[in-house]
């Protein structure tokens, strides 16, 4: 709830709060909501850790090929990391 309120307070532009909200949704088993939050977070700020969290969601949703695609996209976007 705190992450949702902080995201609203930041006018939906703070990648970190979106990622925290995605992590909370993931822990609650709300994988599609987590996916949306992680994707939105990546649009705001390209962070490797957010890509990894998104891949965990896809693995839980039994979509390993999608997870591999996201890993490849992350490695292309962040070649040094």
Protein backbone atom coordinates (compact mmCIF):
# COMPACT_ATOMS: atom_id res chain seq x y z
CA UNK A 1 0.00 0.00 0.00
CA UNK A 2 2.86 2.36 0.82
CA UNK A 3 4.49 1.75 -2.58
CA UNK A 4 1.20 2.42 -4.36
CA UNK A 5 0.74 5.70 -2.49
CA UNK A 6 4.34 6.73 -3.16
CA UNK A 7 3.93 5.97 -6.86
CA UNK A 8 0.87 8.20 -6.99
CA UNK A 9 2.68 10.92 -5.03
CA UNK A 10 5.55 10.81 -7.54
CA UNK A 11 3.07 11.31 -10.41
CA UNK A 12 3.78 7.78 -11.68
CA UNK A 13 7.27 8.82 -12.81
CA UNK A 14 9.56 7.26 -10.19
CA UNK A 15 10.99 3.97 -11.48
CA UNK A 16 12.07 2.82 -8.01
CA UNK A 17 8.60 2.94 -6.48
CA UNK A 18 7.14 1.18 -9.50
CA UNK A 19 9.73 -1.57 -9.10
CA UNK A 20 8.94 -1.87 -5.37
CA UNK A 21 5.24 -2.10 -6.17
CA UNK A 22 6.01 -4.79 -8.73
CA UNK A 23 8.01 -6.70 -6.15
CA UNK A 24 5.14 -6.47 -3.67
CA UNK A 25 2.69 -7.75 -6.27
CA UNK A 26 5.09 -10.59 -7.08
CA UNK A 27 5.27 -11.62 -3.43
CA UNK A 28 1.48 -11.54 -3.23
CA UNK A 29 1.22 -13.80 -6.27
CA UNK A 30 -0.27 -11.07 -8.49
CA UNK A 31 2.09 -11.81 -11.35
CA UNK A 32 0.30 -9.90 -14.13
CA UNK A 33 0.15 -6.77 -11.97
CA UNK A 34 3.83 -7.22 -11.14
CA UNK A 35 4.62 -7.57 -14.85
CA UNK A 36 2.89 -4.27 -15.63
CA UNK A 37 4.72 -2.43 -12.86
CA UNK A 38 8.13 -3.79 -13.88
CA UNK A 39 7.54 -2.92 -17.53
CA UNK A 40 6.48 0.59 -16.57
CA UNK A 41 9.54 0.94 -14.35
CA UNK A 42 11.82 -0.12 -17.23
CA UNK A 43 10.21 2.48 -19.49
CA UNK A 44 11.07 5.18 -16.94
CA UNK A 45 14.57 3.95 -16.09
CA UNK A 46 16.52 1.17 -17.77
CA UNK A 47 17.84 -0.85 -14.79
CA UNK A 48 19.27 -4.37 -14.95
CA UNK A 49 17.74 -5.37 -11.62
CA UNK A 50 14.26 -4.53 -12.88
CA UNK A 51 14.79 -6.71 -15.94
CA UNK A 52 15.79 -9.57 -13.66
CA UNK A 53 12.67 -9.13 -11.53
CA UNK A 54 10.54 -9.09 -14.67
CA UNK A 55 12.14 -12.35 -15.81
CA UNK A 56 11.29 -13.94 -12.47
CA UNK A 57 7.67 -13.04 -13.13
CA UNK A 58 7.76 -14.68 -16.55
CA UNK A 59 9.31 -17.81 -15.10
CA UNK A 60 6.53 -17.99 -12.50
CA UNK A 61 4.00 -17.59 -15.31
CA UNK A 62 5.68 -20.56 -17.05
CA UNK A 63 6.91 -18.43 -19.95
CA UNK A 64 10.62 -19.23 -20.13
CA UNK A 65 10.99 -18.10 -23.75
CA UNK A 66 9.64 -14.68 -22.87
CA UNK A 67 12.07 -14.54 -19.96
CA UNK A 68 14.95 -15.38 -22.31
CA UNK A 69 13.83 -12.63 -24.69
CA UNK A 70 13.81 -10.13 -21.83
CA UNK A 71 17.28 -11.29 -20.70
CA UNK A 72 18.57 -10.77 -24.25
CA UNK A 73 16.96 -7.33 -24.44
CA UNK A 74 18.53 -6.40 -21.11
CA UNK A 75 21.98 -7.59 -22.19
CA UNK A 76 21.73 -5.56 -25.40
CA UNK A 77 20.54 -2.45 -23.54
CA UNK A 78 23.22 -2.81 -20.83
CA UNK A 79 26.26 -4.44 -22.47
CA UNK A 80 28.65 -3.62 -19.62
CA UNK A 81 26.53 -4.99 -16.81
